[in-house]
C-alpha atoms as a PDB file:
ATOM      1  CA  UNK A   1     -11.680 -54.273 -27.583  1.00  0.00           C
ATOM      2  CA  UNK A   2      -9.563 -54.531 -30.709  1.00  0.00           C
ATOM      3  CA  UNK A   3      -6.665 -52.939 -28.825  1.00  0.00           C
ATOM      4  CA  UNK A   4      -6.792 -55.375 -25.917  1.00  0.00           C
ATOM      5  CA  UNK A   5      -3.604 -57.397 -25.949  1.00  0.00           C
ATOM      6  CA  UNK A   6      -3.447 -60.054 -23.254  1.00  0.00           C
ATOM      7  CA  UNK A   7      -0.694 -61.846 -21.364  1.00  0.00           C
ATOM      8  CA  UNK A   8      -1.207 -64.771 -18.996  1.00  0.00           C
ATOM      9  CA  UNK A   9       1.048 -65.522 -16.036  1.00  0.00           C
ATOM     10  CA  UNK A  10       0.615 -69.077 -14.752  1.00  0.00           C
ATOM     11  CA  UNK A  11      -0.423 -71.984 -16.935  1.00  0.00           C
ATOM     12  CA  UNK A  12      -2.328 -74.208 -14.543  1.00  0.00           C
ATOM     13  CA  UNK A  13      -5.969 -75.127 -15.019  1.00  0.00           C
ATOM     14  CA  UNK A  14      -7.243 -71.536 -14.883  1.00  0.00           C
ATOM     15  CA  UNK A  15      -4.491 -70.142 -17.099  1.00  0.00           C
ATOM     16  CA  UNK A  16      -4.921 -72.923 -19.649  1.00  0.00           C
ATOM     17  CA  UNK A  17      -8.675 -72.392 -19.788  1.00  0.00           C
ATOM     18  CA  UNK A  18      -8.243 -68.654 -20.381  1.00  0.00           C
ATOM     19  CA  UNK A  19      -5.691 -69.379 -23.094  1.00  0.00           C
ATOM     20  CA  UNK A  20      -8.145 -71.717 -24.823  1.00  0.00           C
ATOM     21  CA  UNK A  21     -11.233 -69.542 -24.470  1.00  0.00           C
ATOM     22  CA  UNK A  22      -9.656 -66.179 -25.295  1.00  0.00           C
ATOM     23  CA  UNK A  23      -7.950 -67.651 -28.353  1.00  0.00           C
ATOM     24  CA  UNK A  24     -11.268 -69.046 -29.597  1.00  0.00           C
ATOM     25  CA  UNK A  25     -12.753 -65.564 -29.139  1.00  0.00           C
ATOM     26  CA  UNK A  26      -9.944 -64.144 -31.318  1.00  0.00           C
ATOM     27  CA  UNK A  27      -8.216 -62.149 -28.596  1.00  0.00           C
ATOM     28  CA  UNK A  28      -4.559 -61.437 -29.170  1.00  0.00           C
ATOM     29  CA  UNK A  29      -2.656 -63.466 -26.582  1.00  0.00           C
ATOM     30  CA  UNK A  30       0.733 -61.794 -26.730  1.00  0.00           C
ATOM     31  CA  UNK A  31       2.559 -63.993 -24.243  1.00  0.00           C
ATOM     32  CA  UNK A  32       2.220 -66.729 -21.652  1.00  0.00           C
ATOM     33  CA  UNK A  33       4.597 -67.086 -18.714  1.00  0.00           C
ATOM     34  CA  UNK A  34       4.944 -70.076 -16.435  1.00  0.00           C
ATOM     35  CA  UNK A  35       7.140 -71.056 -13.499  1.00  0.00           C
ATOM     36  CA  UNK A  36       8.400 -74.141 -15.341  1.00  0.00           C
ATOM     37  CA  UNK A  37       9.139 -74.764 -19.003  1.00  0.00           C
ATOM     38  CA  UNK A  38       6.017 -74.996 -21.155  1.00  0.00           C
ATOM     39  CA  UNK A  39       5.489 -78.159 -23.165  1.00  0.00           C
ATOM     40  CA  UNK A  40       6.154 -77.612 -26.863  1.00  0.00           C
ATOM     41  CA  UNK A  41       2.926 -79.436 -27.753  1.00  0.00           C
ATOM     42  CA  UNK A  42       0.972 -76.640 -26.052  1.00  0.00           C
ATOM     43  CA  UNK A  43       3.002 -73.848 -27.648  1.00  0.00           C
ATOM     44  CA  UNK A  44       2.540 -75.334 -31.111  1.00  0.00           C
ATOM     45  CA  UNK A  45      -1.236 -74.932 -30.841  1.00  0.00           C
ATOM     46  CA  UNK A  46      -0.892 -71.158 -30.416  1.00  0.00           C
ATOM     47  CA  UNK A  47       1.641 -70.002 -33.032  1.00  0.00           C
ATOM     48  CA  UNK A  48       0.943 -66.301 -32.478  1.00  0.00           C
ATOM     49  CA  UNK A  49       1.775 -66.439 -28.776  1.00  0.00           C
ATOM     50  CA  UNK A  50       5.210 -66.297 -27.123  1.00  0.00           C
ATOM     51  CA  UNK A  51       5.688 -68.859 -24.344  1.00  0.00           C
ATOM     52  CA  UNK A  52       8.371 -68.285 -21.707  1.00  0.00           C
ATOM     53  CA  UNK A  53       9.505 -69.838 -18.443  1.00  0.00           C
ATOM     54  CA  UNK A  54       9.777 -67.280 -15.651  1.00  0.00           C
ATOM     55  CA  UNK A  55       8.085 -63.914 -15.161  1.00  0.00           C
ATOM     56  CA  UNK A  56       7.643 -60.829 -17.386  1.00  0.00           C
ATOM     57  CA  UNK A  57      10.598 -58.430 -17.207  1.00  0.00           C
ATOM     58  CA  UNK A  58      10.176 -56.253 -20.318  1.00  0.00           C
ATOM     59  CA  UNK A  59       7.255 -54.090 -21.397  1.00  0.00           C
ATOM     60  CA  UNK A  60       7.568 -55.206 -24.985  1.00  0.00           C
ATOM     61  CA  UNK A  61       6.896 -58.789 -23.938  1.00  0.00           C
ATOM     62  CA  UNK A  62       3.495 -58.182 -22.355  1.00  0.00           C
ATOM     63  CA  UNK A  63       0.073 -56.997 -23.423  1.00  0.00           C
ATOM     64  CA  UNK A  64      -1.829 -54.153 -21.824  1.00  0.00           C
ATOM     65  CA  UNK A  65      -3.981 -56.594 -19.805  1.00  0.00           C
ATOM     66  CA  UNK A  66      -2.118 -59.209 -17.772  1.00  0.00           C
ATOM     67  CA  UNK A  67      -4.045 -62.027 -16.093  1.00  0.00           C
ATOM     68  CA  UNK A  68      -2.319 -63.560 -13.080  1.00  0.00           C
ATOM     69  CA  UNK A  69      -3.613 -67.124 -12.938  1.00  0.00           C
ATOM     70  CA  UNK A  70      -1.156 -68.481 -10.381  1.00  0.00           C
ATOM     71  CA  UNK A  71      -2.224 -70.170  -7.135  1.00  0.00           C
ATOM     72  CA  UNK A  72      -3.785 -67.989  -4.440  1.00  0.00           C
ATOM     73  CA  UNK A  73      -0.784 -68.275  -2.139  1.00  0.00           C
ATOM     74  CA  UNK A  74       1.629 -67.201  -4.882  1.00  0.00           C
ATOM     75  CA  UNK A  75      -0.182 -64.071  -6.120  1.00  0.00           C
ATOM     76  CA  UNK A  76       1.376 -61.517  -3.792  1.00  0.00           C
ATOM     77  CA  UNK A  77       4.951 -62.781  -4.290  1.00  0.00           C
ATOM     78  CA  UNK A  78       4.526 -63.037  -8.062  1.00  0.00           C
ATOM     79  CA  UNK A  79       3.174 -59.481  -8.220  1.00  0.00           C
ATOM     80  CA  UNK A  80       6.108 -58.198  -6.156  1.00  0.00           C
ATOM     81  CA  UNK A  81       8.597 -60.058  -8.345  1.00  0.00           C
ATOM     82  CA  UNK A  82       7.055 -58.682 -11.533  1.00  0.00           C
ATOM     83  CA  UNK A  83       6.996 -55.147 -10.114  1.00  0.00           C
ATOM     84  CA  UNK A  84      10.685 -55.386  -9.224  1.00  0.00           C
ATOM     85  CA  UNK A  85      11.587 -55.667 -12.934  1.00  0.00           C
ATOM     86  CA  UNK A  86       9.956 -52.358 -13.943  1.00  0.00           C
ATOM     87  CA  UNK A  87      10.568 -48.691 -13.176  1.00  0.00           C
ATOM     88  CA  UNK A  88       6.917 -47.942 -13.922  1.00  0.00           C
ATOM     89  CA  UNK A  89       3.866 -49.790 -15.223  1.00  0.00           C
ATOM     90  CA  UNK A  90       1.676 -46.867 -16.199  1.00  0.00           C
ATOM     91  CA  UNK A  91      -0.742 -47.937 -18.935  1.00  0.00           C
ATOM     92  CA  UNK A  92      -0.819 -51.590 -17.894  1.00  0.00           C
ATOM     93  CA  UNK A  93      -3.674 -53.439 -16.211  1.00  0.00           C
ATOM     94  CA  UNK A  94      -3.241 -56.491 -13.979  1.00  0.00           C
ATOM     95  CA  UNK A  95      -6.014 -58.760 -12.734  1.00  0.00           C
ATOM     96  CA  UNK A  96      -5.709 -61.884 -10.625  1.00  0.00           C
ATOM     97  CA  UNK A  97      -8.280 -64.675 -10.642  1.00  0.00           C
ATOM     98  CA  UNK A  98      -8.412 -65.617  -6.969  1.00  0.00           C
ATOM     99  CA  UNK A  99     -11.739 -65.945  -5.227  1.00  0.00           C
ATOM    100  CA  UNK A 100     -10.475 -65.192  -1.734  1.00  0.00           C
ATOM    101  CA  UNK A 101      -8.040 -62.287  -2.299  1.00  0.00           C
ATOM    102  CA  UNK A 102      -9.012 -58.734  -3.196  1.00  0.00           C
ATOM    103  CA  UNK A 103      -7.088 -56.615  -5.682  1.00  0.00           C
ATOM    104  CA  UNK A 104      -5.079 -55.180  -2.773  1.00  0.00           C
ATOM    105  CA  UNK A 105      -2.806 -58.206  -3.001  1.00  0.00           C
ATOM    106  CA  UNK A 106      -1.448 -56.594  -6.200  1.00  0.00           C
ATOM    107  CA  UNK A 107      -0.414 -53.383  -4.413  1.00  0.00           C
ATOM    108  CA  UNK A 108       3.242 -53.726  -5.497  1.00  0.00           C
ATOM    109  CA  UNK A 109       2.124 -53.360  -9.108  1.00  0.00           C
ATOM    110  CA  UNK A 110      -0.146 -50.440  -8.279  1.00  0.00           C
ATOM    111  CA  UNK A 111       2.776 -48.647  -6.654  1.00  0.00           C
ATOM    112  CA  UNK A 112       4.507 -48.790 -10.037  1.00  0.00           C
ATOM    113  CA  UNK A 113       1.519 -47.111 -11.729  1.00  0.00           C
ATOM    114  CA  UNK A 114      -0.457 -50.140 -12.922  1.00  0.00           C
ATOM    115  CA  UNK A 115      -4.223 -50.411 -12.587  1.00  0.00           C
ATOM    116  CA  UNK A 116      -5.318 -53.535 -10.701  1.00  0.00           C
ATOM    117  CA  UNK A 117      -8.380 -55.720 -10.146  1.00  0.00           C
ATOM    118  CA  UNK A 118      -9.571 -59.157  -9.092  1.00  0.00           C
ATOM    119  CA  UNK A 119     -11.450 -61.223 -11.662  1.00  0.00           C
ATOM    120  CA  UNK A 120     -12.800 -64.472 -10.226  1.00  0.00           C
ATOM    121  CA  UNK A 121     -14.774 -66.983 -12.327  1.00  0.00           C
ATOM    122  CA  UNK A 122     -17.456 -68.787 -10.308  1.00  0.00           C
ATOM    123  CA  UNK A 123     -16.954 -71.995 -12.234  1.00  0.00           C
ATOM    124  CA  UNK A 124     -15.349 -75.388 -11.686  1.00  0.00           C
ATOM    125  CA  UNK A 125     -12.461 -75.080 -14.121  1.00  0.00           C
ATOM    126  CA  UNK A 126     -10.475 -77.784 -15.855  1.00  0.00           C
ATOM    127  CA  UNK A 127      -7.645 -77.370 -18.357  1.00  0.00           C
ATOM    128  CA  UNK A 128      -9.935 -78.521 -21.161  1.00  0.00           C
ATOM    129  CA  UNK A 129     -12.546 -75.822 -20.495  1.00  0.00           C
ATOM    130  CA  UNK A 130     -13.341 -74.097 -23.781  1.00  0.00           C
ATOM    131  CA  UNK A 131     -16.132 -71.747 -22.760  1.00  0.00           C
ATOM    132  CA  UNK A 132     -17.106 -69.331 -20.012  1.00  0.00           C
ATOM    133  CA  UNK A 133     -20.616 -68.889 -21.373  1.00  0.00           C
ATOM    134  CA  UNK A 134     -23.110 -68.034 -18.592  1.00  0.00           C
ATOM    135  CA  UNK A 135     -20.310 -68.025 -15.984  1.00  0.00           C
ATOM    136  CA  UNK A 136     -20.501 -65.282 -13.356  1.00  0.00           C
ATOM    137  CA  UNK A 137     -17.315 -63.382 -12.452  1.00  0.00           C
ATOM    138  CA  UNK A 138     -17.071 -61.361  -9.249  1.00  0.00           C
ATOM    139  CA  UNK A 139     -14.877 -58.329  -9.874  1.00  0.00           C
ATOM    140  CA  UNK A 140     -13.465 -55.426  -7.864  1.00  0.00           C
ATOM    141  CA  UNK A 141     -10.610 -52.987  -8.208  1.00  0.00           C
ATOM    142  CA  UNK A 142      -9.724 -49.919 -10.274  1.00  0.00           C
ATOM    143  CA  UNK A 143     -12.546 -48.589 -12.440  1.00  0.00           C
ATOM    144  CA  UNK A 144     -10.527 -48.631 -15.659  1.00  0.00           C
ATOM    145  CA  UNK A 145      -9.806 -52.356 -15.291  1.00  0.00           C
ATOM    146  CA  UNK A 146     -13.367 -53.181 -14.256  1.00  0.00           C
ATOM    147  CA  UNK A 147     -14.725 -51.579 -17.420  1.00  0.00           C
ATOM    148  CA  UNK A 148     -12.232 -53.577 -19.504  1.00  0.00           C
ATOM    149  CA  UNK A 149     -13.155 -56.816 -17.736  1.00  0.00           C
ATOM    150  CA  UNK A 150     -16.876 -56.156 -18.144  1.00  0.00           C
ATOM    151  CA  UNK A 151     -16.392 -55.712 -21.875  1.00  0.00           C
ATOM    152  CA  UNK A 152     -14.286 -58.869 -22.041  1.00  0.00           C
ATOM    153  CA  UNK A 153     -16.865 -60.991 -20.205  1.00  0.00           C
ATOM    154  CA  UNK A 154     -19.626 -59.803 -22.522  1.00  0.00           C
ATOM    155  CA  UNK A 155     -17.618 -61.102 -25.456  1.00  0.00           C
ATOM    156  CA  UNK A 156     -17.221 -64.407 -23.588  1.00  0.00           C
ATOM    157  CA  UNK A 157     -21.027 -64.478 -23.149  1.00  0.00           C
ATOM    158  CA  UNK A 158     -20.435 -64.391 -19.401  1.00  0.00           C
ATOM    159  CA  UNK A 159     -21.644 -62.054 -16.643  1.00  0.00           C
ATOM    160  CA  UNK A 160     -20.011 -59.929 -13.951  1.00  0.00           C
ATOM    161  CA  UNK A 161     -21.037 -58.416 -10.656  1.00  0.00           C
ATOM    162  CA  UNK A 162     -19.020 -55.904  -8.659  1.00  0.00           C
ATOM    163  CA  UNK A 163     -18.206 -56.559  -5.006  1.00  0.00           C
ATOM    164  CA  UNK A 164     -16.446 -54.727  -2.202  1.00  0.00           C
ATOM    165  CA  UNK A 165     -12.952 -56.018  -1.284  1.00  0.00           C
ATOM    166  CA  UNK A 166     -14.087 -57.203   2.152  1.00  0.00           C
ATOM    167  CA  UNK A 167     -16.803 -59.382   0.549  1.00  0.00           C
ATOM    168  CA  UNK A 168     -14.291 -61.590  -1.260  1.00  0.00           C
ATOM    169  CA  UNK A 169     -13.539 -64.198   1.460  1.00  0.00           C
ATOM    170  CA  UNK A 170     -17.240 -64.555   2.320  1.00  0.00           C
ATOM    171  CA  UNK A 171     -18.185 -64.959  -1.314  1.00  0.00           C
ATOM    172  CA  UNK A 172     -15.424 -67.500  -1.815  1.00  0.00           C
ATOM    173  CA  UNK A 173     -16.567 -69.509   1.199  1.00  0.00           C
ATOM    174  CA  UNK A 174     -20.064 -69.515  -0.301  1.00  0.00           C
ATOM    175  CA  UNK A 175     -18.654 -70.699  -3.635  1.00  0.00           C
ATOM    176  CA  UNK A 176     -16.866 -73.559  -1.865  1.00  0.00           C
ATOM    177  CA  UNK A 177     -20.208 -74.618  -0.385  1.00  0.00           C
ATOM    178  CA  UNK A 178     -21.936 -74.320  -3.776  1.00  0.00           C
ATOM    179  CA  UNK A 179     -19.294 -76.357  -5.602  1.00  0.00           C
ATOM    180  CA  UNK A 180     -17.184 -78.539  -3.300  1.00  0.00           C
ATOM    181  CA  UNK A 181     -19.899 -79.280  -0.776  1.00  0.00           C
ATOM    182  CA  UNK A 182     -22.281 -80.298  -3.542  1.00  0.00           C
ATOM    183  CA  UNK A 183     -19.754 -83.048  -4.208  1.00  0.00           C
ATOM    184  CA  UNK A 184     -19.853 -83.890  -0.497  1.00  0.00           C
ATOM    185  CA  UNK A 185     -23.658 -84.107  -0.667  1.00  0.00           C
ATOM    186  CA  UNK A 186     -23.405 -86.468  -3.634  1.00  0.00           C
ATOM    187  CA  UNK A 187     -21.033 -88.620  -1.597  1.00  0.00           C
ATOM    188  CA  UNK A 188     -23.513 -88.535   1.300  1.00  0.00           C
ATOM    189  CA  UNK A 189     -26.261 -89.675  -1.096  1.00  0.00           C
ATOM    190  CA  UNK A 190     -24.220 -92.688  -2.184  1.00  0.00           C
ATOM    191  CA  UNK A 191     -23.203 -93.634   1.374  1.00  0.00           C
ATOM    192  CA  UNK A 192     -26.736 -93.510   2.772  1.00  0.00           C
ATOM    193  CA  UNK A 193     -28.021 -95.509  -0.201  1.00  0.00           C
ATOM    194  CA  UNK A 194     -25.329 -98.127   0.289  1.00  0.00           C
ATOM    195  CA  UNK A 195     -26.623 -98.713   3.840  1.00  0.00           C
ATOM    196  CA  UNK A 196     -29.688-100.160   2.118  1.00  0.00           C
ATOM    197  CA  UNK A 197     -27.478-102.296  -0.136  1.00  0.00           C
ATOM    198  CA  UNK A 198     -28.112-100.086  -3.165  1.00  0.00           C
ATOM    199  CA  UNK A 199     -24.880 -99.902  -5.215  1.00  0.00           C
ATOM    200  CA  UNK A 200     -23.352 -96.423  -4.913  1.00  0.00           C
ATOM    201  CA  UNK A 201     -22.988 -95.941  -8.674  1.00  0.00           C
ATOM    202  CA  UNK A 202     -26.655 -96.819  -9.274  1.00  0.00           C
ATOM    203  CA  UNK A 203     -27.775 -94.496  -6.471  1.00  0.00           C
ATOM    204  CA  UNK A 204     -25.817 -91.597  -7.935  1.00  0.00           C
ATOM    205  CA  UNK A 205     -27.180 -92.193 -11.432  1.00  0.00           C
ATOM    206  CA  UNK A 206     -30.707 -92.246 -10.026  1.00  0.00           C
ATOM    207  CA  UNK A 207     -30.272 -89.179  -7.788  1.00  0.00           C
ATOM    208  CA  UNK A 208     -28.326 -86.913 -10.148  1.00  0.00           C
ATOM    209  CA  UNK A 209     -31.405 -85.947 -12.228  1.00  0.00           C
ATOM    210  CA  UNK A 210     -33.180 -85.118  -8.952  1.00  0.00           C
ATOM    211  CA  UNK A 211     -30.287 -82.864  -7.945  1.00  0.00           C
ATOM    212  CA  UNK A 212     -30.358 -81.189 -11.385  1.00  0.00           C
ATOM    213  CA  UNK A 213     -34.103 -80.618 -11.051  1.00  0.00           C
ATOM    214  CA  UNK A 214     -33.700 -79.084  -7.599  1.00  0.00           C
ATOM    215  CA  UNK A 215     -30.976 -76.730  -8.831  1.00  0.00           C
ATOM    216  CA  UNK A 216     -33.242 -75.646 -11.700  1.00  0.00           C
ATOM    217  CA  UNK A 217     -36.043 -74.962  -9.211  1.00  0.00           C
ATOM    218  CA  UNK A 218     -33.701 -72.906  -7.033  1.00  0.00           C
ATOM    219  CA  UNK A 219     -32.700 -70.870 -10.088  1.00  0.00           C
ATOM    220  CA  UNK A 220     -36.290 -70.147 -11.120  1.00  0.00           C
ATOM    221  CA  UNK A 221     -38.216 -70.185  -7.823  1.00  0.00           C
ATOM    222  CA  UNK A 222     -35.679 -69.336  -5.140  1.00  0.00           C
ATOM    223  CA  UNK A 223     -34.568 -71.358  -2.120  1.00  0.00           C
ATOM    224  CA  UNK A 224     -37.685 -71.533   0.053  1.00  0.00           C
ATOM    225  CA  UNK A 225     -40.095 -72.420  -2.757  1.00  0.00           C
ATOM    226  CA  UNK A 226     -37.757 -75.206  -3.906  1.00  0.00           C
ATOM    227  CA  UNK A 227     -37.901 -77.110  -0.618  1.00  0.00           C
ATOM    228  CA  UNK A 228     -40.004 -80.259  -0.916  1.00  0.00           C
ATOM    229  CA  UNK A 229     -40.101 -83.609   0.872  1.00  0.00           C
ATOM    230  CA  UNK A 230     -40.949 -84.893   4.349  1.00  0.00           C
ATOM    231  CA  UNK A 231     -39.603 -81.927   6.342  1.00  0.00           C
ATOM    232  CA  UNK A 232     -41.524 -79.395   4.239  1.00  0.00           C
ATOM    233  CA  UNK A 233     -44.663 -81.569   4.575  1.00  0.00           C
ATOM    234  CA  UNK A 234     -44.187 -82.106   8.303  1.00  0.00           C
ATOM    235  CA  UNK A 235     -44.016 -85.912   8.023  1.00  0.00           C
ATOM    236  CA  UNK A 236     -42.793 -86.730  11.543  1.00  0.00           C
ATOM    237  CA  UNK A 237     -42.986 -90.517  11.204  1.00  0.00           C
ATOM    238  CA  UNK A 238     -40.945 -90.514   7.993  1.00  0.00           C
ATOM    239  CA  UNK A 239     -38.172 -88.448   9.584  1.00  0.00           C
ATOM    240  CA  UNK A 240     -38.212 -90.687  12.667  1.00  0.00           C
ATOM    241  CA  UNK A 241     -37.784 -93.747  10.446  1.00  0.00           C
ATOM    242  CA  UNK A 242     -34.812 -92.154   8.685  1.00  0.00           C
ATOM    243  CA  UNK A 243     -33.177 -91.435  12.031  1.00  0.00           C
ATOM    244  CA  UNK A 244     -33.816 -94.958  13.291  1.00  0.00           C
ATOM    245  CA  UNK A 245     -32.290 -96.500  10.170  1.00  0.00           C
ATOM    246  CA  UNK A 246     -29.165 -94.362  10.463  1.00  0.00           C
ATOM    247  CA  UNK A 247     -28.487 -95.203  14.127  1.00  0.00           C
ATOM    248  CA  UNK A 248     -25.700 -97.616  13.194  1.00  0.00           C
ATOM    249  CA  UNK A 249     -23.818 -94.959  11.173  1.00  0.00           C
ATOM    250  CA  UNK A 250     -23.254 -92.045  13.605  1.00  0.00           C
ATOM    251  CA  UNK A 251     -21.409 -89.926  11.030  1.00  0.00           C
ATOM    252  CA  UNK A 252     -24.219 -90.113   8.493  1.00  0.00           C
ATOM    253  CA  UNK A 253     -26.815 -89.614  11.237  1.00  0.00           C
ATOM    254  CA  UNK A 254     -25.037 -86.474  12.464  1.00  0.00           C
ATOM    255  CA  UNK A 255     -24.876 -84.953   8.962  1.00  0.00           C
ATOM    256  CA  UNK A 256     -28.521 -85.841   8.297  1.00  0.00           C
ATOM    257  CA  UNK A 257     -29.531 -84.047  11.522  1.00  0.00           C
ATOM    258  CA  UNK A 258     -27.430 -80.946  10.885  1.00  0.00           C
ATOM    259  CA  UNK A 259     -28.753 -80.540   7.343  1.00  0.00           C
ATOM    260  CA  UNK A 260     -32.276 -81.383   8.485  1.00  0.00           C
ATOM    261  CA  UNK A 261     -32.174 -78.638  11.093  1.00  0.00           C
ATOM    262  CA  UNK A 262     -31.365 -76.111   8.364  1.00  0.00           C
ATOM    263  CA  UNK A 263     -34.194 -77.514   6.226  1.00  0.00           C
ATOM    264  CA  UNK A 264     -36.614 -76.945   9.117  1.00  0.00           C
ATOM    265  CA  UNK A 265     -35.637 -73.256   9.169  1.00  0.00           C
ATOM    266  CA  UNK A 266     -36.334 -72.986   5.442  1.00  0.00           C
ATOM    267  CA  UNK A 267     -39.657 -74.792   5.866  1.00  0.00           C
ATOM    268  CA  UNK A 268     -40.668 -72.299   8.575  1.00  0.00           C
ATOM    269  CA  UNK A 269     -39.695 -69.471   6.241  1.00  0.00           C
ATOM    270  CA  UNK A 270     -41.859 -70.994   3.513  1.00  0.00           C
ATOM    271  CA  UNK A 271     -44.932 -72.083   5.464  1.00  0.00           C
ATOM    272  CA  UNK A 272     -44.630 -70.588   8.922  1.00  0.00           C
ATOM    273  CA  UNK A 273     -44.106 -72.348  12.235  1.00  0.00           C
ATOM    274  CA  UNK A 274     -46.216 -75.426  12.967  1.00  0.00           C
ATOM    275  CA  UNK A 275     -46.426 -78.141  15.692  1.00  0.00           C
ATOM    276  CA  UNK A 276     -45.135 -80.779  13.257  1.00  0.00           C
ATOM    277  CA  UNK A 277     -42.073 -78.718  12.320  1.00  0.00           C
ATOM    278  CA  UNK A 278     -41.372 -78.127  16.016  1.00  0.00           C
ATOM    279  CA  UNK A 279     -41.499 -81.888  16.649  1.00  0.00           C
ATOM    280  CA  UNK A 280     -39.168 -82.535  13.706  1.00  0.00           C
ATOM    281  CA  UNK A 281     -36.761 -79.930  15.026  1.00  0.00           C
ATOM    282  CA  UNK A 282     -36.837 -81.675  18.413  1.00  0.00           C
ATOM    283  CA  UNK A 283     -35.993 -84.983  16.691  1.00  0.00           C
ATOM    284  CA  UNK A 284     -32.936 -83.376  15.086  1.00  0.00           C
ATOM    285  CA  UNK A 285     -31.840 -81.957  18.434  1.00  0.00           C
END
């Protein structure tokens, strides 16, 4: 680990968070490259790091592990452009941080002798992030890079799991549901509450601890055992009342039914089929 010298290409939210976290963990950040000029106020905070606009073009300017933290759509072009500057990249490791792309998107670098991998943090990242503790990274690619990344994540007090290249887009879609759609659910909570004249901000403050508690249950008990409420109990009249009250908001009613149908399936998995669950399913249909 002492010999790991790191460069970062792309100083958006992900790149900035890696710069912060790796510096705190005393990694040597040799250089940071960005499409546009980097603000001097950022550079001044990291006196041991060279900041440059543009892409790496000389071996002496980069570490042995280069993290490509550019946008998903830019990864392939950036890797090709970097590769075009070098006769060979033997001894260098490149890893991108996209959730949807596999390491194959870095093939131009591999053709020059570099080892490649994907290294995706399953975390909502902001520029001010200063820790990856307990974050899971899905990784795949060349064995040499995977070993290096596994060692790095241990030092960050994070975790990794290896995936096959073809699993990446499915896993990323699942991560979108886990993160982005949780925000959508919170919005749904506030909108339904507002139909009863409960202020949206109060509803969210009241429901957020419930959401936290449910997530904790999922973590410790699993999905099926964490399902509670009227569907799990088979309370037909309660569900019917919900549906009646949402008749004037077709959008909310439709979402409630779609999600309710999935909850019925989980309830059947947990408790087995029952006449009440069949009736609730019919209500959602």
